[in-house]
PDB file of all heavy atoms in Angstrom:
ATOM      1  N   ARG A   1     141.231  34.239  51.053  1.00  0.00           N
ATOM      2  CA  ARG A   1     142.050  35.120  51.881  1.00  0.00           C
ATOM      3  C   ARG A   1     141.351  36.463  52.118  1.00  0.00           C
ATOM      4  O   ARG A   1     141.387  37.008  53.218  1.00  0.00           O
ATOM      5  CB  ARG A   1     143.419  35.354  51.239  1.00  0.00           C
ATOM      6  CG  ARG A   1     144.276  34.107  51.230  1.00  0.00           C
ATOM      7  CD  ARG A   1     145.514  34.302  50.377  1.00  0.00           C
ATOM      8  NE  ARG A   1     146.233  33.070  50.181  1.00  0.00           N
ATOM      9  CZ  ARG A   1     147.437  32.831  50.656  1.00  0.00           C
ATOM     10  NH1 ARG A   1     148.088  33.739  51.363  1.00  0.00           N
ATOM     11  NH2 ARG A   1     148.023  31.677  50.434  1.00  0.00           N
ATOM     12  N   TRP A   2     140.711  37.003  51.047  1.00  0.00           N
ATOM     13  CA  TRP A   2     139.991  38.261  51.194  1.00  0.00           C
ATOM     14  C   TRP A   2     138.828  38.112  52.167  1.00  0.00           C
ATOM     15  O   TRP A   2     138.531  39.023  52.934  1.00  0.00           O
ATOM     16  CB  TRP A   2     139.459  38.727  49.829  1.00  0.00           C
ATOM     17  CG  TRP A   2     140.468  39.382  48.945  1.00  0.00           C
ATOM     18  CD1 TRP A   2     141.830  39.254  48.974  1.00  0.00           C
ATOM     19  CD2 TRP A   2     140.167  40.257  47.870  1.00  0.00           C
ATOM     20  NE1 TRP A   2     142.403  39.990  47.978  1.00  0.00           N
ATOM     21  CE2 TRP A   2     141.401  40.631  47.290  1.00  0.00           C
ATOM     22  CE3 TRP A   2     138.996  40.772  47.346  1.00  0.00           C
ATOM     23  CZ2 TRP A   2     141.486  41.494  46.201  1.00  0.00           C
ATOM     24  CZ3 TRP A   2     139.080  41.628  46.256  1.00  0.00           C
ATOM     25  CH2 TRP A   2     140.298  41.992  45.700  1.00  0.00           C
ATOM     26  N   ALA A   3     138.184  36.976  52.120  1.00  0.00           N
ATOM     27  CA  ALA A   3     137.020  36.747  53.007  1.00  0.00           C
ATOM     28  C   ALA A   3     137.451  36.714  54.478  1.00  0.00           C
ATOM     29  O   ALA A   3     136.622  36.959  55.357  1.00  0.00           O
ATOM     30  CB  ALA A   3     136.311  35.463  52.622  1.00  0.00           C
ATOM     31  N   ARG A   4     138.712  36.415  54.728  1.00  0.00           N
ATOM     32  CA  ARG A   4     139.206  36.301  56.101  1.00  0.00           C
ATOM     33  C   ARG A   4     139.680  37.632  56.689  1.00  0.00           C
ATOM     34  O   ARG A   4     139.974  37.693  57.885  1.00  0.00           O
ATOM     35  CB  ARG A   4     140.369  35.311  56.165  1.00  0.00           C
ATOM     36  CG  ARG A   4     139.947  33.900  55.925  1.00  0.00           C
ATOM     37  CD  ARG A   4     141.139  32.978  56.075  1.00  0.00           C
ATOM     38  NE  ARG A   4     140.814  31.635  55.656  1.00  0.00           N
ATOM     39  CZ  ARG A   4     141.638  30.832  55.015  1.00  0.00           C
ATOM     40  NH1 ARG A   4     142.882  31.211  54.752  1.00  0.00           N
ATOM     41  NH2 ARG A   4     141.266  29.626  54.667  1.00  0.00           N
ATOM     42  N   VAL A   5     139.769  38.681  55.850  1.00  0.00           N
ATOM     43  CA  VAL A   5     140.249  39.962  56.398  1.00  0.00           C
ATOM     44  C   VAL A   5     139.207  40.557  57.336  1.00  0.00           C
ATOM     45  O   VAL A   5     138.031  40.211  57.279  1.00  0.00           O
ATOM     46  CB  VAL A   5     140.617  40.973  55.276  1.00  0.00           C
ATOM     47  CG1 VAL A   5     141.704  40.409  54.387  1.00  0.00           C
ATOM     48  CG2 VAL A   5     139.405  41.392  54.485  1.00  0.00           C
ATOM     49  N   ASP A   6     139.662  41.443  58.176  1.00  0.00           N
ATOM     50  CA  ASP A   6     138.799  42.098  59.145  1.00  0.00           C
ATOM     51  C   ASP A   6     137.754  42.955  58.429  1.00  0.00           C
ATOM     52  O   ASP A   6     138.103  43.954  57.784  1.00  0.00           O
ATOM     53  CB  ASP A   6     139.664  42.971  60.075  1.00  0.00           C
ATOM     54  CG  ASP A   6     138.847  43.720  61.120  1.00  0.00           C
ATOM     55  OD1 ASP A   6     137.613  43.560  61.177  1.00  0.00           O
ATOM     56  OD2 ASP A   6     139.488  44.493  61.874  1.00  0.00           O
ATOM     57  N   PRO A   7     136.453  42.591  58.512  1.00  0.00           N
ATOM     58  CA  PRO A   7     135.417  43.349  57.813  1.00  0.00           C
ATOM     59  C   PRO A   7     135.249  44.776  58.346  1.00  0.00           C
ATOM     60  O   PRO A   7     134.715  45.645  57.632  1.00  0.00           O
ATOM     61  CB  PRO A   7     134.156  42.533  58.009  1.00  0.00           C
ATOM     62  CG  PRO A   7     134.423  41.652  59.157  1.00  0.00           C
ATOM     63  CD  PRO A   7     135.905  41.453  59.235  1.00  0.00           C
ATOM     64  N   GLU A   8     135.686  45.040  59.548  1.00  0.00           N
ATOM     65  CA  GLU A   8     135.624  46.389  60.080  1.00  0.00           C
ATOM     66  C   GLU A   8     136.661  47.294  59.402  1.00  0.00           C
ATOM     67  O   GLU A   8     136.398  48.445  59.110  1.00  0.00           O
ATOM     68  CB  GLU A   8     135.858  46.372  61.595  1.00  0.00           C
ATOM     69  CG  GLU A   8     134.789  45.641  62.382  1.00  0.00           C
ATOM     70  CD  GLU A   8     133.483  46.406  62.389  1.00  0.00           C
ATOM     71  OE1 GLU A   8     133.501  47.658  62.490  1.00  0.00           O
ATOM     72  OE2 GLU A   8     132.427  45.751  62.306  1.00  0.00           O
ATOM     73  N   ARG A   9     137.832  46.739  59.198  1.00  0.00           N
ATOM     74  CA  ARG A   9     138.934  47.522  58.597  1.00  0.00           C
ATOM     75  C   ARG A   9     138.836  47.539  57.069  1.00  0.00           C
ATOM     76  O   ARG A   9     139.209  48.519  56.423  1.00  0.00           O
ATOM     77  CB  ARG A   9     140.268  46.933  59.018  1.00  0.00           C
ATOM     78  CG  ARG A   9     141.434  47.721  58.497  1.00  0.00           C
ATOM     79  CD  ARG A   9     142.731  47.299  59.105  1.00  0.00           C
ATOM     80  NE  ARG A   9     143.822  48.114  58.558  1.00  0.00           N
ATOM     81  CZ  ARG A   9     145.078  47.852  58.757  1.00  0.00           C
ATOM     82  NH1 ARG A   9     145.431  46.811  59.499  1.00  0.00           N
ATOM     83  NH2 ARG A   9     145.990  48.614  58.229  1.00  0.00           N
ATOM     84  N   TYR A  10     138.357  46.436  56.488  1.00  0.00           N
ATOM     85  CA  TYR A  10     138.307  46.295  55.030  1.00  0.00           C
ATOM     86  C   TYR A  10     136.913  45.901  54.585  1.00  0.00           C
ATOM     87  O   TYR A  10     136.700  44.810  54.021  1.00  0.00           O
ATOM     88  CB  TYR A  10     139.305  45.238  54.545  1.00  0.00           C
ATOM     89  CG  TYR A  10     140.736  45.540  54.889  1.00  0.00           C
ATOM     90  CD1 TYR A  10     141.386  44.874  55.940  1.00  0.00           C
ATOM     91  CD2 TYR A  10     141.463  46.462  54.151  1.00  0.00           C
ATOM     92  CE1 TYR A  10     142.707  45.134  56.249  1.00  0.00           C
ATOM     93  CE2 TYR A  10     142.798  46.727  54.455  1.00  0.00           C
ATOM     94  CZ  TYR A  10     143.406  46.060  55.495  1.00  0.00           C
ATOM     95  OH  TYR A  10     144.716  46.315  55.790  1.00  0.00           O
ATOM     96  N   PRO A  11     135.914  46.724  54.787  1.00  0.00           N
ATOM     97  CA  PRO A  11     134.543  46.334  54.451  1.00  0.00           C
ATOM     98  C   PRO A  11     134.349  46.040  52.953  1.00  0.00           C
ATOM     99  O   PRO A  11     133.656  45.094  52.583  1.00  0.00           O
ATOM    100  CB  PRO A  11     133.687  47.500  54.914  1.00  0.00           C
ATOM    101  CG  PRO A  11     134.617  48.644  55.060  1.00  0.00           C
ATOM    102  CD  PRO A  11     135.971  48.076  55.342  1.00  0.00           C
ATOM    103  N   PHE A  12     134.938  46.852  52.086  1.00  0.00           N
ATOM    104  CA  PHE A  12     134.757  46.623  50.660  1.00  0.00           C
ATOM    105  C   PHE A  12     135.436  45.314  50.222  1.00  0.00           C
ATOM    106  O   PHE A  12     134.850  44.493  49.526  1.00  0.00           O
ATOM    107  CB  PHE A  12     135.298  47.784  49.820  1.00  0.00           C
ATOM    108  CG  PHE A  12     135.290  47.478  48.356  1.00  0.00           C
ATOM    109  CD1 PHE A  12     134.110  47.521  47.626  1.00  0.00           C
ATOM    110  CD2 PHE A  12     136.452  47.086  47.700  1.00  0.00           C
ATOM    111  CE1 PHE A  12     134.075  47.198  46.288  1.00  0.00           C
ATOM    112  CE2 PHE A  12     136.423  46.751  46.360  1.00  0.00           C
ATOM    113  CZ  PHE A  12     135.242  46.809  45.649  1.00  0.00           C
ATOM    114  N   VAL A  13     136.711  45.151  50.602  1.00  0.00           N
ATOM    115  CA  VAL A  13     137.450  43.949  50.224  1.00  0.00           C
ATOM    116  C   VAL A  13     136.750  42.706  50.748  1.00  0.00           C
ATOM    117  O   VAL A  13     136.604  41.707  50.028  1.00  0.00           O
ATOM    118  CB  VAL A  13     138.910  44.024  50.740  1.00  0.00           C
ATOM    119  CG1 VAL A  13     139.633  42.703  50.541  1.00  0.00           C
ATOM    120  CG2 VAL A  13     139.652  45.153  50.050  1.00  0.00           C
ATOM    121  N   HIS A  14     136.289  42.762  51.966  1.00  0.00           N
ATOM    122  CA  HIS A  14     135.595  41.614  52.576  1.00  0.00           C
ATOM    123  C   HIS A  14     134.334  41.274  51.764  1.00  0.00           C
ATOM    124  O   HIS A  14     134.095  40.114  51.431  1.00  0.00           O
ATOM    125  CB  HIS A  14     135.233  41.926  54.030  1.00  0.00           C
ATOM    126  CG  HIS A  14     134.623  40.787  54.753  1.00  0.00           C
ATOM    127  ND1 HIS A  14     135.375  39.727  55.216  1.00  0.00           N
ATOM    128  CD2 HIS A  14     133.342  40.516  55.075  1.00  0.00           C
ATOM    129  CE1 HIS A  14     134.578  38.856  55.801  1.00  0.00           C
ATOM    130  NE2 HIS A  14     133.347  39.319  55.730  1.00  0.00           N
ATOM    131  N   ALA A  15     133.563  42.280  51.384  1.00  0.00           N
ATOM    132  CA  ALA A  15     132.338  42.048  50.620  1.00  0.00           C
ATOM    133  C   ALA A  15     132.654  41.600  49.184  1.00  0.00           C
ATOM    134  O   ALA A  15     131.930  40.788  48.611  1.00  0.00           O
ATOM    135  CB  ALA A  15     131.479  43.313  50.601  1.00  0.00           C
ATOM    136  N   ALA A  16     133.735  42.132  48.610  1.00  0.00           N
ATOM    137  CA  ALA A  16     134.090  41.813  47.217  1.00  0.00           C
ATOM    138  C   ALA A  16     134.647  40.396  47.075  1.00  0.00           C
ATOM    139  O   ALA A  16     134.702  39.858  45.962  1.00  0.00           O
ATOM    140  CB  ALA A  16     135.101  42.825  46.698  1.00  0.00           C
ATOM    141  N   ALA A  17     135.046  39.792  48.168  1.00  0.00           N
ATOM    142  CA  ALA A  17     135.620  38.448  48.113  1.00  0.00           C
ATOM    143  C   ALA A  17     134.682  37.462  47.405  1.00  0.00           C
ATOM    144  O   ALA A  17     135.146  36.594  46.669  1.00  0.00           O
ATOM    145  CB  ALA A  17     135.940  37.937  49.528  1.00  0.00           C
ATOM    146  N   ALA A  18     133.398  37.630  47.586  1.00  0.00           N
ATOM    147  CA  ALA A  18     132.427  36.713  46.969  1.00  0.00           C
ATOM    148  C   ALA A  18     132.453  36.786  45.452  1.00  0.00           C
ATOM    149  O   ALA A  18     132.160  35.815  44.764  1.00  0.00           O
ATOM    150  CB  ALA A  18     131.024  37.012  47.480  1.00  0.00           C
ATOM    151  N   ARG A  19     132.856  37.922  44.894  1.00  0.00           N
ATOM    152  CA  ARG A  19     132.863  38.101  43.434  1.00  0.00           C
ATOM    153  C   ARG A  19     134.242  37.874  42.813  1.00  0.00           C
ATOM    154  O   ARG A  19     134.342  37.683  41.612  1.00  0.00           O
ATOM    155  CB  ARG A  19     132.379  39.501  43.075  1.00  0.00           C
ATOM    156  CG  ARG A  19     130.922  39.679  43.496  1.00  0.00           C
ATOM    157  CD  ARG A  19     130.268  40.851  42.912  1.00  0.00           C
ATOM    158  NE  ARG A  19     130.329  40.857  41.449  1.00  0.00           N
ATOM    159  CZ  ARG A  19     130.114  41.932  40.714  1.00  0.00           C
ATOM    160  NH1 ARG A  19     129.799  43.048  41.297  1.00  0.00           N
ATOM    161  NH2 ARG A  19     130.194  41.868  39.417  1.00  0.00           N
ATOM    162  N   LEU A  20     135.282  37.900  43.625  1.00  0.00           N
ATOM    163  CA  LEU A  20     136.647  37.805  43.092  1.00  0.00           C
ATOM    164  C   LEU A  20     136.871  36.522  42.301  1.00  0.00           C
ATOM    165  O   LEU A  20     137.397  36.551  41.192  1.00  0.00           O
ATOM    166  CB  LEU A  20     137.678  37.902  44.232  1.00  0.00           C
ATOM    167  CG  LEU A  20     139.142  37.789  43.796  1.00  0.00           C
ATOM    168  CD1 LEU A  20     139.493  38.935  42.858  1.00  0.00           C
ATOM    169  CD2 LEU A  20     140.041  37.795  45.016  1.00  0.00           C
ATOM    170  N   GLY A  21     136.438  35.423  42.818  1.00  0.00           N
ATOM    171  CA  GLY A  21     136.675  34.138  42.164  1.00  0.00           C
ATOM    172  C   GLY A  21     135.953  33.939  40.856  1.00  0.00           C
ATOM    173  O   GLY A  21     136.377  33.148  40.020  1.00  0.00           O
ATOM    174  N   GLU A  22     134.886  34.665  40.647  1.00  0.00           N
ATOM    175  CA  GLU A  22     134.068  34.455  39.444  1.00  0.00           C
ATOM    176  C   GLU A  22     134.150  35.582  38.423  1.00  0.00           C
ATOM    177  O   GLU A  22     133.534  35.507  37.372  1.00  0.00           O
ATOM    178  CB  GLU A  22     132.621  34.265  39.848  1.00  0.00           C
ATOM    179  CG  GLU A  22     132.028  35.512  40.483  1.00  0.00           C
ATOM    180  CD  GLU A  22     130.678  35.317  41.122  1.00  0.00           C
ATOM    181  OE1 GLU A  22     130.467  34.257  41.733  1.00  0.00           O
ATOM    182  OE2 GLU A  22     129.848  36.229  41.005  1.00  0.00           O
ATOM    183  N   HIS A  23     134.929  36.628  38.708  1.00  0.00           N
ATOM    184  CA  HIS A  23     134.954  37.766  37.789  1.00  0.00           C
ATOM    185  C   HIS A  23     135.676  37.422  36.486  1.00  0.00           C
ATOM    186  O   HIS A  23     136.498  36.514  36.437  1.00  0.00           O
ATOM    187  CB  HIS A  23     135.563  38.994  38.453  1.00  0.00           C
ATOM    188  CG  HIS A  23     137.060  39.042  38.412  1.00  0.00           C
ATOM    189  ND1 HIS A  23     137.841  38.309  39.282  1.00  0.00           N
ATOM    190  CD2 HIS A  23     137.906  39.721  37.609  1.00  0.00           C
ATOM    191  CE1 HIS A  23     139.108  38.542  39.004  1.00  0.00           C
ATOM    192  NE2 HIS A  23     139.178  39.393  37.980  1.00  0.00           N
ATOM    193  N   ASN A  24     135.354  38.167  35.442  1.00  0.00           N
ATOM    194  CA  ASN A  24     135.949  37.990  34.129  1.00  0.00           C
ATOM    195  C   ASN A  24     136.899  39.164  33.894  1.00  0.00           C
ATOM    196  O   ASN A  24     136.468  40.316  33.824  1.00  0.00           O
ATOM    197  CB  ASN A  24     134.832  37.968  33.060  1.00  0.00           C
ATOM    198  CG  ASN A  24     135.370  37.788  31.677  1.00  0.00           C
ATOM    199  OD1 ASN A  24     136.234  38.526  31.210  1.00  0.00           O
ATOM    200  ND2 ASN A  24     134.836  36.798  30.982  1.00  0.00           N
ATOM    201  N   ASP A  25     138.187  38.873  33.793  1.00  0.00           N
ATOM    202  CA  ASP A  25     139.198  39.914  33.635  1.00  0.00           C
ATOM    203  C   ASP A  25     138.945  40.788  32.419  1.00  0.00           C
ATOM    204  O   ASP A  25     139.088  42.011  32.472  1.00  0.00           O
ATOM    205  CB  ASP A  25     140.602  39.327  33.526  1.00  0.00           C
ATOM    206  CG  ASP A  25     141.058  38.672  34.819  1.00  0.00           C
ATOM    207  OD1 ASP A  25     140.664  39.126  35.903  1.00  0.00           O
ATOM    208  OD2 ASP A  25     141.834  37.696  34.739  1.00  0.00           O
ATOM    209  N   ARG A  26     138.585  40.160  31.314  1.00  0.00           N
ATOM    210  CA  ARG A  26     138.384  40.906  30.069  1.00  0.00           C
ATOM    211  C   ARG A  26     137.179  41.835  30.196  1.00  0.00           C
ATOM    212  O   ARG A  26     137.232  42.989  29.770  1.00  0.00           O
ATOM    213  CB  ARG A  26     138.178  39.935  28.899  1.00  0.00           C
ATOM    214  CG  ARG A  26     138.150  40.655  27.575  1.00  0.00           C
ATOM    215  CD  ARG A  26     138.265  39.693  26.429  1.00  0.00           C
ATOM    216  NE  ARG A  26     139.660  39.242  26.384  1.00  0.00           N
ATOM    217  CZ  ARG A  26     140.051  38.127  25.825  1.00  0.00           C
ATOM    218  NH1 ARG A  26     139.182  37.334  25.260  1.00  0.00           N
ATOM    219  NH2 ARG A  26     141.316  37.794  25.799  1.00  0.00           N
ATOM    220  N   GLU A  27     136.096  41.368  30.818  1.00  0.00           N
ATOM    221  CA  GLU A  27     134.923  42.230  31.008  1.00  0.00           C
ATOM    222  C   GLU A  27     135.249  43.378  31.970  1.00  0.00           C
ATOM    223  O   GLU A  27     134.812  44.505  31.763  1.00  0.00           O
ATOM    224  CB  GLU A  27     133.751  41.427  31.549  1.00  0.00           C
ATOM    225  CG  GLU A  27     133.080  40.552  30.520  1.00  0.00           C
ATOM    226  CD  GLU A  27     131.927  39.744  31.092  1.00  0.00           C
ATOM    227  OE1 GLU A  27     131.530  39.988  32.256  1.00  0.00           O
ATOM    228  OE2 GLU A  27     131.449  38.861  30.360  1.00  0.00           O
ATOM    229  N   GLN A  28     136.011  43.074  33.013  1.00  0.00           N
ATOM    230  CA  GLN A  28     136.371  44.111  33.980  1.00  0.00           C
ATOM    231  C   GLN A  28     137.259  45.166  33.311  1.00  0.00           C
ATOM    232  O   GLN A  28     137.085  46.362  33.519  1.00  0.00           O
ATOM    233  CB  GLN A  28     137.087  43.476  35.166  1.00  0.00           C
ATOM    234  CG  GLN A  28     137.248  44.407  36.340  1.00  0.00           C
ATOM    235  CD  GLN A  28     137.844  43.709  37.532  1.00  0.00           C
ATOM    236  OE1 GLN A  28     138.917  43.099  37.413  1.00  0.00           O
ATOM    237  NE2 GLN A  28     137.159  43.765  38.651  1.00  0.00           N
ATOM    238  N   PHE A  29     138.198  44.729  32.473  1.00  0.00           N
ATOM    239  CA  PHE A  29     139.030  45.661  31.726  1.00  0.00           C
ATOM    240  C   PHE A  29     138.193  46.532  30.797  1.00  0.00           C
ATOM    241  O   PHE A  29     138.332  47.756  30.780  1.00  0.00           O
ATOM    242  CB  PHE A  29     140.084  44.893  30.914  1.00  0.00           C
ATOM    243  CG  PHE A  29     140.787  45.746  29.918  1.00  0.00           C
ATOM    244  CD1 PHE A  29     141.789  46.617  30.317  1.00  0.00           C
ATOM    245  CD2 PHE A  29     140.441  45.710  28.580  1.00  0.00           C
ATOM    246  CE1 PHE A  29     142.427  47.437  29.401  1.00  0.00           C
ATOM    247  CE2 PHE A  29     141.074  46.509  27.660  1.00  0.00           C
ATOM    248  CZ  PHE A  29     142.069  47.371  28.070  1.00  0.00           C
ATOM    249  N   ALA A  30     137.301  45.894  30.046  1.00  0.00           N
ATOM    250  CA  ALA A  30     136.433  46.637  29.106  1.00  0.00           C
ATOM    251  C   ALA A  30     135.548  47.610  29.866  1.00  0.00           C
ATOM    252  O   ALA A  30     135.295  48.735  29.392  1.00  0.00           O
ATOM    253  CB  ALA A  30     135.591  45.666  28.288  1.00  0.00           C
ATOM    254  N   PHE A  31     135.101  47.244  31.055  1.00  0.00           N
ATOM    255  CA  PHE A  31     134.308  48.146  31.880  1.00  0.00           C
ATOM    256  C   PHE A  31     135.117  49.392  32.227  1.00  0.00           C
ATOM    257  O   PHE A  31     134.603  50.512  32.206  1.00  0.00           O
ATOM    258  CB  PHE A  31     133.826  47.423  33.146  1.00  0.00           C
ATOM    259  CG  PHE A  31     132.950  48.288  34.009  1.00  0.00           C
ATOM    260  CD1 PHE A  31     131.634  48.517  33.672  1.00  0.00           C
ATOM    261  CD2 PHE A  31     133.442  48.859  35.165  1.00  0.00           C
ATOM    262  CE1 PHE A  31     130.821  49.309  34.473  1.00  0.00           C
ATOM    263  CE2 PHE A  31     132.635  49.649  35.980  1.00  0.00           C
ATOM    264  CZ  PHE A  31     131.321  49.879  35.621  1.00  0.00           C
ATOM    265  N   GLY A  32     136.404  49.216  32.535  1.00  0.00           N
ATOM    266  CA  GLY A  32     137.271  50.366  32.827  1.00  0.00           C
ATOM    267  C   GLY A  32     137.381  51.303  31.636  1.00  0.00           C
ATOM    268  O   GLY A  32     137.356  52.524  31.797  1.00  0.00           O
ATOM    269  N   VAL A  33     137.492  50.738  30.432  1.00  0.00           N
ATOM    270  CA  VAL A  33     137.518  51.581  29.228  1.00  0.00           C
ATOM    271  C   VAL A  33     136.195  52.315  29.085  1.00  0.00           C
ATOM    272  O   VAL A  33     136.156  53.495  28.772  1.00  0.00           O
ATOM    273  CB  VAL A  33     137.844  50.738  27.978  1.00  0.00           C
ATOM    274  CG1 VAL A  33     137.700  51.561  26.696  1.00  0.00           C
ATOM    275  CG2 VAL A  33     139.256  50.147  28.068  1.00  0.00           C
ATOM    276  N   ASP A  34     135.082  51.610  29.347  1.00  0.00           N
ATOM    277  CA  ASP A  34     133.762  52.234  29.262  1.00  0.00           C
ATOM    278  C   ASP A  34     133.617  53.367  30.279  1.00  0.00           C
ATOM    279  O   ASP A  34     133.040  54.411  29.966  1.00  0.00           O
ATOM    280  CB  ASP A  34     132.652  51.208  29.515  1.00  0.00           C
ATOM    281  CG  ASP A  34     132.461  50.260  28.351  1.00  0.00           C
ATOM    282  OD1 ASP A  34     132.993  50.524  27.248  1.00  0.00           O
ATOM    283  OD2 ASP A  34     131.782  49.247  28.540  1.00  0.00           O
ATOM    284  N   VAL A  35     134.128  53.170  31.487  1.00  0.00           N
ATOM    285  CA  VAL A  35     134.064  54.218  32.512  1.00  0.00           C
ATOM    286  C   VAL A  35     134.842  55.442  32.012  1.00  0.00           C
ATOM    287  O   VAL A  35     134.381  56.570  32.136  1.00  0.00           O
ATOM    288  CB  VAL A  35     134.620  53.723  33.867  1.00  0.00           C
ATOM    289  CG1 VAL A  35     134.869  54.870  34.827  1.00  0.00           C
ATOM    290  CG2 VAL A  35     133.653  52.706  34.468  1.00  0.00           C
ATOM    291  N   PHE A  36     136.004  55.209  31.445  1.00  0.00           N
ATOM    292  CA  PHE A  36     136.797  56.307  30.905  1.00  0.00           C
ATOM    293  C   PHE A  36     136.009  57.039  29.805  1.00  0.00           C
ATOM    294  O   PHE A  36     135.914  58.266  29.822  1.00  0.00           O
ATOM    295  CB  PHE A  36     138.109  55.761  30.325  1.00  0.00           C
ATOM    296  CG  PHE A  36     138.894  56.801  29.578  1.00  0.00           C
ATOM    297  CD1 PHE A  36     139.705  57.685  30.254  1.00  0.00           C
ATOM    298  CD2 PHE A  36     138.803  56.892  28.203  1.00  0.00           C
ATOM    299  CE1 PHE A  36     140.398  58.658  29.552  1.00  0.00           C
ATOM    300  CE2 PHE A  36     139.501  57.876  27.509  1.00  0.00           C
ATOM    301  CZ  PHE A  36     140.307  58.748  28.185  1.00  0.00           C
ATOM    302  N   LEU A  37     135.449  56.300  28.862  1.00  0.00           N
ATOM    303  CA  LEU A  37     134.693  56.918  27.764  1.00  0.00           C
ATOM    304  C   LEU A  37     133.457  57.656  28.287  1.00  0.00           C
ATOM    305  O   LEU A  37     133.106  58.732  27.790  1.00  0.00           O
ATOM    306  CB  LEU A  37     134.300  55.878  26.726  1.00  0.00           C
ATOM    307  CG  LEU A  37     135.477  55.252  25.960  1.00  0.00           C
ATOM    308  CD1 LEU A  37     134.985  54.124  25.073  1.00  0.00           C
ATOM    309  CD2 LEU A  37     136.228  56.306  25.173  1.00  0.00           C
ATOM    310  N   ALA A  38     132.799  57.095  29.302  1.00  0.00           N
ATOM    311  CA  ALA A  38     131.652  57.763  29.889  1.00  0.00           C
ATOM    312  C   ALA A  38     132.074  59.067  30.558  1.00  0.00           C
ATOM    313  O   ALA A  38     131.365  60.073  30.481  1.00  0.00           O
ATOM    314  CB  ALA A  38     130.964  56.849  30.912  1.00  0.00           C
ATOM    315  N   GLY A  39     133.248  59.069  31.187  1.00  0.00           N
ATOM    316  CA  GLY A  39     133.750  60.286  31.790  1.00  0.00           C
ATOM    317  C   GLY A  39     134.034  61.349  30.762  1.00  0.00           C
ATOM    318  O   GLY A  39     133.695  62.533  30.948  1.00  0.00           O
ATOM    319  N   ILE A  40     134.621  60.961  29.649  1.00  0.00           N
ATOM    320  CA  ILE A  40     134.864  61.900  28.537  1.00  0.00           C
ATOM    321  C   ILE A  40     133.528  62.468  28.044  1.00  0.00           C
ATOM    322  O   ILE A  40     133.385  63.657  27.824  1.00  0.00           O
ATOM    323  CB  ILE A  40     135.644  61.225  27.394  1.00  0.00           C
ATOM    324  CG1 ILE A  40     137.078  60.946  27.815  1.00  0.00           C
ATOM    325  CG2 ILE A  40     135.586  62.029  26.110  1.00  0.00           C
ATOM    326  CD1 ILE A  40     137.918  62.188  28.033  1.00  0.00           C
TER     327      ILE A  40
END
């Protein structure tokens, strides 16, 4: 569905569609914690 969106209006979402199906929720969550800690 993301791959079908208008790439002009949603360039990031359209490009991210290729990674959505294979991403790891736990790694993505841990990355968010790391971003927070890096900001601190």
